[in-house]
């Protein structure tokens, strides 16, 4: 939950540093530039030394996998 009361989803990046960095940058540039009513919005990201996190709007009602495969 953010300071303003908004509920968010946080994706922490794990894995080796090189793969982690490439994946983190790829996700920021790809998802950050996409806008569609059926996609969650990336609100921002956080980097603290070796820890990285992507912050997305929180959407209730199951997962994408549930909606695609039932």
PDB file of N, CA and C in Angstrom:
ATOM      1  N   UNK A   1       0.844  -1.167   0.000  1.00  0.00           N
ATOM      2  CA  UNK A   1       0.000   0.000   0.000  1.00  0.00           C
ATOM      3  C   UNK A   1       0.896   1.239   0.000  1.00  0.00           C
ATOM      4  N   UNK A   2       0.558   2.182  -0.861  1.00  0.00           N
ATOM      5  CA  UNK A   2       1.326   3.422  -0.933  1.00  0.00           C
ATOM      6  C   UNK A   2       0.891   4.386   0.172  1.00  0.00           C
ATOM      7  N   UNK A   3       1.673   5.427   0.382  1.00  0.00           N
ATOM      8  CA  UNK A   3       1.365   6.411   1.418  1.00  0.00           C
ATOM      9  C   UNK A   3       0.011   7.079   1.205  1.00  0.00           C
ATOM     10  N   UNK A   4      -0.417   7.205  -0.047  1.00  0.00           N
ATOM     11  CA  UNK A   4      -1.703   7.851  -0.324  1.00  0.00           C
ATOM     12  C   UNK A   4      -2.884   6.899  -0.197  1.00  0.00           C
ATOM     13  N   UNK A   5      -2.626   5.634   0.165  1.00  0.00           N
ATOM     14  CA  UNK A   5      -3.681   4.657   0.375  1.00  0.00           C
ATOM     15  C   UNK A   5      -3.956   3.754  -0.809  1.00  0.00           C
ATOM     16  N   UNK A   6      -3.339   4.014  -1.965  1.00  0.00           N
ATOM     17  CA  UNK A   6      -3.536   3.157  -3.134  1.00  0.00           C
ATOM     18  C   UNK A   6      -2.902   1.785  -2.898  1.00  0.00           C
ATOM     19  N   UNK A   7      -3.631   0.748  -3.267  1.00  0.00           N
ATOM     20  CA  UNK A   7      -3.110  -0.617  -3.176  1.00  0.00           C
ATOM     21  C   UNK A   7      -2.408  -0.938  -4.485  1.00  0.00           C
ATOM     22  N   UNK A   8      -1.216  -1.500  -4.399  1.00  0.00           N
ATOM     23  CA  UNK A   8      -0.418  -1.817  -5.584  1.00  0.00           C
ATOM     24  C   UNK A   8       0.061  -3.259  -5.523  1.00  0.00           C
ATOM     25  N   UNK A   9       0.504  -3.753  -6.673  1.00  0.00           N
ATOM     26  CA  UNK A   9       1.155  -5.062  -6.755  1.00  0.00           C
ATOM     27  C   UNK A   9       2.636  -4.809  -7.003  1.00  0.00           C
ATOM     28  N   UNK A  10       3.495  -5.534  -6.305  1.00  0.00           N
ATOM     29  CA  UNK A  10       4.935  -5.343  -6.430  1.00  0.00           C
ATOM     30  C   UNK A  10       5.568  -6.635  -6.935  1.00  0.00           C
ATOM     31  N   UNK A  11       6.359  -6.510  -7.987  1.00  0.00           N
ATOM     32  CA  UNK A  11       7.094  -7.651  -8.529  1.00  0.00           C
ATOM     33  C   UNK A  11       8.565  -7.448  -8.199  1.00  0.00           C
ATOM     34  N   UNK A  12       9.101  -8.325  -7.346  1.00  0.00           N
ATOM     35  CA  UNK A  12      10.517  -8.264  -6.990  1.00  0.00           C
ATOM     36  C   UNK A  12      11.296  -9.065  -8.010  1.00  0.00           C
ATOM     37  N   UNK A  13      12.430  -8.536  -8.445  1.00  0.00           N
ATOM     38  CA  UNK A  13      13.256  -9.202  -9.438  1.00  0.00           C
ATOM     39  C   UNK A  13      14.299 -10.073  -8.741  1.00  0.00           C
ATOM     40  N   UNK A  14      14.340 -11.340  -9.149  1.00  0.00           N
ATOM     41  CA  UNK A  14      15.286 -12.306  -8.592  1.00  0.00           C
ATOM     42  C   UNK A  14      16.141 -12.871  -9.716  1.00  0.00           C
ATOM     43  N   UNK A  15      17.198 -13.549  -9.374  1.00  0.00           N
ATOM     44  CA  UNK A  15      18.039 -14.205 -10.358  1.00  0.00           C
ATOM     45  C   UNK A  15      19.432 -13.608 -10.383  1.00  0.00           C
ATOM     46  N   UNK A  16      20.225 -14.076 -11.338  1.00  0.00           N
ATOM     47  CA  UNK A  16      21.595 -13.568 -11.444  1.00  0.00           C
ATOM     48  C   UNK A  16      21.568 -12.099 -11.836  1.00  0.00           C
ATOM     49  N   UNK A  17      22.564 -11.382 -11.494  1.00  0.00           N
ATOM     50  CA  UNK A  17      22.589  -9.944 -11.695  1.00  0.00           C
ATOM     51  C   UNK A  17      22.452  -9.546 -13.159  1.00  0.00           C
ATOM     52  N   UNK A  18      23.184 -10.182 -14.059  1.00  0.00           N
ATOM     53  CA  UNK A  18      23.135  -9.817 -15.477  1.00  0.00           C
ATOM     54  C   UNK A  18      21.750 -10.082 -16.061  1.00  0.00           C
ATOM     55  N   UNK A  19      21.202 -11.242 -15.790  1.00  0.00           N
ATOM     56  CA  UNK A  19      19.869 -11.583 -16.286  1.00  0.00           C
ATOM     57  C   UNK A  19      18.834 -10.676 -15.635  1.00  0.00           C
ATOM     58  N   UNK A  20      18.978 -10.462 -14.352  1.00  0.00           N
ATOM     59  CA  UNK A  20      18.067  -9.606 -13.600  1.00  0.00           C
ATOM     60  C   UNK A  20      18.039  -8.195 -14.180  1.00  0.00           C
ATOM     61  N   UNK A  21      19.192  -7.621 -14.451  1.00  0.00           N
ATOM     62  CA  UNK A  21      19.272  -6.268 -15.007  1.00  0.00           C
ATOM     63  C   UNK A  21      18.623  -6.192 -16.389  1.00  0.00           C
ATOM     64  N   UNK A  22      18.912  -7.152 -17.258  1.00  0.00           N
ATOM     65  CA  UNK A  22      18.321  -7.160 -18.605  1.00  0.00           C
ATOM     66  C   UNK A  22      16.807  -7.311 -18.535  1.00  0.00           C
ATOM     67  N   UNK A  23      16.351  -8.220 -17.700  1.00  0.00           N
ATOM     68  CA  UNK A  23      14.916  -8.470 -17.559  1.00  0.00           C
ATOM     69  C   UNK A  23      14.214  -7.236 -16.983  1.00  0.00           C
ATOM     70  N   UNK A  24      14.815  -6.609 -16.008  1.00  0.00           N
ATOM     71  CA  UNK A  24      14.257  -5.416 -15.368  1.00  0.00           C
ATOM     72  C   UNK A  24      14.110  -4.290 -16.387  1.00  0.00           C
ATOM     73  N   UNK A  25      15.159  -4.012 -17.136  1.00  0.00           N
ATOM     74  CA  UNK A  25      15.126  -2.946 -18.143  1.00  0.00           C
ATOM     75  C   UNK A  25      14.141  -3.281 -19.256  1.00  0.00           C
ATOM     76  N   UNK A  26      14.115  -4.527 -19.698  1.00  0.00           N
ATOM     77  CA  UNK A  26      13.187  -4.931 -20.756  1.00  0.00           C
ATOM     78  C   UNK A  26      11.746  -4.753 -20.312  1.00  0.00           C
ATOM     79  N   UNK A  27      11.447  -5.113 -19.089  1.00  0.00           N
ATOM     80  CA  UNK A  27      10.073  -4.985 -18.608  1.00  0.00           C
ATOM     81  C   UNK A  27       9.670  -3.519 -18.455  1.00  0.00           C
ATOM     82  N   UNK A  28      10.578  -2.700 -17.979  1.00  0.00           N
ATOM     83  CA  UNK A  28      10.270  -1.270 -17.847  1.00  0.00           C
ATOM     84  C   UNK A  28       9.992  -0.655 -19.219  1.00  0.00           C
ATOM     85  N   UNK A  29      10.840  -0.929 -20.187  1.00  0.00           N
ATOM     86  CA  UNK A  29      10.664  -0.311 -21.507  1.00  0.00           C
ATOM     87  C   UNK A  29       9.458  -0.879 -22.247  1.00  0.00           C
ATOM     88  N   UNK A  30       9.183  -2.149 -22.094  1.00  0.00           N
ATOM     89  CA  UNK A  30       8.048  -2.756 -22.798  1.00  0.00           C
ATOM     90  C   UNK A  30       6.722  -2.387 -22.151  1.00  0.00           C
ATOM     91  N   UNK A  31       6.551  -2.748 -20.902  1.00  0.00           N
ATOM     92  CA  UNK A  31       5.285  -2.502 -20.210  1.00  0.00           C
ATOM     93  C   UNK A  31       5.071  -1.010 -19.981  1.00  0.00           C
ATOM     94  N   UNK A  32       6.135  -0.292 -19.731  1.00  0.00           N
ATOM     95  CA  UNK A  32       6.009   1.145 -19.493  1.00  0.00           C
ATOM     96  C   UNK A  32       5.486   1.910 -20.687  1.00  0.00           C
ATOM     97  N   UNK A  33       5.695   1.393 -21.890  1.00  0.00           N
ATOM     98  CA  UNK A  33       5.241   2.075 -23.099  1.00  0.00           C
ATOM     99  C   UNK A  33       3.894   1.581 -23.614  1.00  0.00           C
ATOM    100  N   UNK A  34       3.396   0.479 -23.061  1.00  0.00           N
ATOM    101  CA  UNK A  34       2.119  -0.067 -23.507  1.00  0.00           C
ATOM    102  C   UNK A  34       0.972   0.549 -22.722  1.00  0.00           C
ATOM    103  N   UNK A  35      -0.089   0.864 -23.428  1.00  0.00           N
ATOM    104  CA  UNK A  35      -1.294   1.350 -22.768  1.00  0.00           C
ATOM    105  C   UNK A  35      -2.492   0.697 -23.440  1.00  0.00           C
ATOM    106  N   UNK A  36      -3.231  -0.059 -22.672  1.00  0.00           N
ATOM    107  CA  UNK A  36      -4.437  -0.702 -23.182  1.00  0.00           C
ATOM    108  C   UNK A  36      -5.350  -0.940 -21.996  1.00  0.00           C
ATOM    109  N   UNK A  37      -6.638  -0.844 -22.199  1.00  0.00           N
ATOM    110  CA  UNK A  37      -7.574  -0.981 -21.080  1.00  0.00           C
ATOM    111  C   UNK A  37      -7.555  -2.369 -20.459  1.00  0.00           C
ATOM    112  N   UNK A  38      -7.061  -3.368 -21.177  1.00  0.00           N
ATOM    113  CA  UNK A  38      -7.012  -4.728 -20.647  1.00  0.00           C
ATOM    114  C   UNK A  38      -5.661  -5.088 -20.017  1.00  0.00           C
ATOM    115  N   UNK A  39      -4.749  -4.160 -19.954  1.00  0.00           N
ATOM    116  CA  UNK A  39      -3.443  -4.405 -19.343  1.00  0.00           C
ATOM    117  C   UNK A  39      -3.307  -3.598 -18.059  1.00  0.00           C
ATOM    118  N   UNK A  40      -2.654  -4.183 -17.069  1.00  0.00           N
ATOM    119  CA  UNK A  40      -2.386  -3.409 -15.853  1.00  0.00           C
ATOM    120  C   UNK A  40      -1.366  -2.332 -16.178  1.00  0.00           C
ATOM    121  N   UNK A  41      -1.415  -1.258 -15.444  1.00  0.00           N
ATOM    122  CA  UNK A  41      -0.493  -0.144 -15.662  1.00  0.00           C
ATOM    123  C   UNK A  41       0.686  -0.261 -14.705  1.00  0.00           C
ATOM    124  N   UNK A  42       1.871   0.003 -15.232  1.00  0.00           N
ATOM    125  CA  UNK A  42       3.033   0.068 -14.372  1.00  0.00           C
ATOM    126  C   UNK A  42       3.050   1.470 -13.768  1.00  0.00           C
ATOM    127  N   UNK A  43       3.069   1.534 -12.451  1.00  0.00           N
ATOM    128  CA  UNK A  43       3.061   2.812 -11.748  1.00  0.00           C
ATOM    129  C   UNK A  43       4.475   3.349 -11.606  1.00  0.00           C
ATOM    130  N   UNK A  44       5.422   2.444 -11.421  1.00  0.00           N
ATOM    131  CA  UNK A  44       6.803   2.880 -11.257  1.00  0.00           C
ATOM    132  C   UNK A  44       7.712   1.718 -10.944  1.00  0.00           C
ATOM    133  N   UNK A  45       8.904   2.043 -10.519  1.00  0.00           N
ATOM    134  CA  UNK A  45       9.876   1.014 -10.150  1.00  0.00           C
ATOM    135  C   UNK A  45      10.759   1.555  -9.051  1.00  0.00           C
ATOM    136  N   UNK A  46      11.459   0.647  -8.381  1.00  0.00           N
ATOM    137  CA  UNK A  46      12.362   1.037  -7.297  1.00  0.00           C
ATOM    138  C   UNK A  46      13.655   0.250  -7.429  1.00  0.00           C
ATOM    139  N   UNK A  47      14.765   0.931  -7.212  1.00  0.00           N
ATOM    140  CA  UNK A  47      16.080   0.295  -7.247  1.00  0.00           C
ATOM    141  C   UNK A  47      16.828   0.722  -5.993  1.00  0.00           C
ATOM    142  N   UNK A  48      17.311  -0.266  -5.249  1.00  0.00           N
ATOM    143  CA  UNK A  48      18.085   0.000  -4.043  1.00  0.00           C
ATOM    144  C   UNK A  48      19.248  -0.979  -4.030  1.00  0.00           C
ATOM    145  N   UNK A  49      20.396  -0.517  -4.493  1.00  0.00           N
ATOM    146  CA  UNK A  49      21.591  -1.343  -4.635  1.00  0.00           C
ATOM    147  C   UNK A  49      21.270  -2.572  -5.480  1.00  0.00           C
ATOM    148  N   UNK A  50      21.251  -3.776  -4.902  1.00  0.00           N
ATOM    149  CA  UNK A  50      21.007  -4.995  -5.670  1.00  0.00           C
ATOM    150  C   UNK A  50      19.535  -5.395  -5.708  1.00  0.00           C
ATOM    151  N   UNK A  51      18.678  -4.668  -5.035  1.00  0.00           N
ATOM    152  CA  UNK A  51      17.255  -4.999  -5.014  1.00  0.00           C
ATOM    153  C   UNK A  51      16.499  -4.146  -6.029  1.00  0.00           C
ATOM    154  N   UNK A  52      15.628  -4.805  -6.796  1.00  0.00           N
ATOM    155  CA  UNK A  52      14.831  -4.111  -7.800  1.00  0.00           C
ATOM    156  C   UNK A  52      13.385  -4.558  -7.670  1.00  0.00           C
ATOM    157  N   UNK A  53      12.458  -3.631  -7.910  1.00  0.00           N
ATOM    158  CA  UNK A  53      11.038  -3.960  -7.843  1.00  0.00           C
ATOM    159  C   UNK A  53      10.277  -3.135  -8.866  1.00  0.00           C
ATOM    160  N   UNK A  54       9.263  -3.756  -9.454  1.00  0.00           N
ATOM    161  CA  UNK A  54       8.359  -3.077 -10.375  1.00  0.00           C
ATOM    162  C   UNK A  54       7.029  -2.917  -9.648  1.00  0.00           C
ATOM    163  N   UNK A  55       6.419  -1.735  -9.750  1.00  0.00           N
ATOM    164  CA  UNK A  55       5.176  -1.458  -9.045  1.00  0.00           C
ATOM    165  C   UNK A  55       4.063  -1.297 -10.070  1.00  0.00           C
ATOM    166  N   UNK A  56       3.036  -2.140  -9.925  1.00  0.00           N
ATOM    167  CA  UNK A  56       1.901  -2.153 -10.843  1.00  0.00           C
ATOM    168  C   UNK A  56       0.625  -1.801 -10.092  1.00  0.00           C
ATOM    169  N   UNK A  57      -0.391  -1.326 -10.842  1.00  0.00           N
ATOM    170  CA  UNK A  57      -1.689  -1.146 -10.220  1.00  0.00           C
ATOM    171  C   UNK A  57      -2.181  -2.520  -9.779  1.00  0.00           C
ATOM    172  N   UNK A  58      -2.916  -2.560  -8.691  1.00  0.00           N
ATOM    173  CA  UNK A  58      -3.441  -3.822  -8.178  1.00  0.00           C
ATOM    174  C   UNK A  58      -4.804  -4.073  -8.790  1.00  0.00           C
ATOM    175  N   UNK A  59      -4.991  -5.277  -9.327  1.00  0.00           N
ATOM    176  CA  UNK A  59      -6.268  -5.655  -9.918  1.00  0.00           C
ATOM    177  C   UNK A  59      -6.756  -6.915  -9.206  1.00  0.00           C
ATOM    178  N   UNK A  60      -7.949  -6.846  -8.648  1.00  0.00           N
ATOM    179  CA  UNK A  60      -8.523  -8.003  -7.965  1.00  0.00           C
ATOM    180  C   UNK A  60      -9.132  -8.961  -8.979  1.00  0.00           C
ATOM    181  N   UNK A  61      -9.719 -10.015  -8.479  1.00  0.00           N
ATOM    182  CA  UNK A  61     -10.451 -10.980  -9.299  1.00  0.00           C
ATOM    183  C   UNK A  61      -9.542 -11.948 -10.034  1.00  0.00           C
ATOM    184  N   UNK A  62      -8.722 -12.665  -9.313  1.00  0.00           N
ATOM    185  CA  UNK A  62      -7.913 -13.760  -9.848  1.00  0.00           C
ATOM    186  C   UNK A  62      -6.702 -13.290 -10.647  1.00  0.00           C
ATOM    187  N   UNK A  63      -6.227 -14.150 -11.548  1.00  0.00           N
ATOM    188  CA  UNK A  63      -5.014 -13.874 -12.299  1.00  0.00           C
ATOM    189  C   UNK A  63      -5.298 -13.944 -13.796  1.00  0.00           C
ATOM    190  N   UNK A  64      -4.360 -13.487 -14.584  1.00  0.00           N
ATOM    191  CA  UNK A  64      -4.487 -13.592 -16.033  1.00  0.00           C
ATOM    192  C   UNK A  64      -4.607 -15.062 -16.438  1.00  0.00           C
ATOM    193  N   UNK A  65      -3.831 -15.919 -15.794  1.00  0.00           N
ATOM    194  CA  UNK A  65      -3.888 -17.350 -16.097  1.00  0.00           C
ATOM    195  C   UNK A  65      -5.307 -17.873 -15.888  1.00  0.00           C
ATOM    196  N   UNK A  66      -5.990 -17.445 -14.817  1.00  0.00           N
ATOM    197  CA  UNK A  66      -7.358 -17.870 -14.567  1.00  0.00           C
ATOM    198  C   UNK A  66      -8.284 -17.456 -15.706  1.00  0.00           C
ATOM    199  N   UNK A  67      -8.163 -16.218 -16.175  1.00  0.00           N
ATOM    200  CA  UNK A  67      -9.039 -15.741 -17.236  1.00  0.00           C
ATOM    201  C   UNK A  67      -8.743 -16.386 -18.573  1.00  0.00           C
ATOM    202  N   UNK A  68      -7.488 -16.744 -18.808  1.00  0.00           N
ATOM    203  CA  UNK A  68      -7.138 -17.376 -20.071  1.00  0.00           C
ATOM    204  C   UNK A  68      -7.483 -18.859 -20.102  1.00  0.00           C
ATOM    205  N   UNK A  69      -7.249 -19.560 -18.980  1.00  0.00           N
ATOM    206  CA  UNK A  69      -7.381 -21.013 -18.981  1.00  0.00           C
ATOM    207  C   UNK A  69      -8.477 -21.544 -18.053  1.00  0.00           C
ATOM    208  N   UNK A  70      -9.140 -20.659 -17.329  1.00  0.00           N
ATOM    209  CA  UNK A  70     -10.262 -21.071 -16.480  1.00  0.00           C
ATOM    210  C   UNK A  70      -9.915 -21.746 -15.204  1.00  0.00           C
TER     211      UNK A  70
END
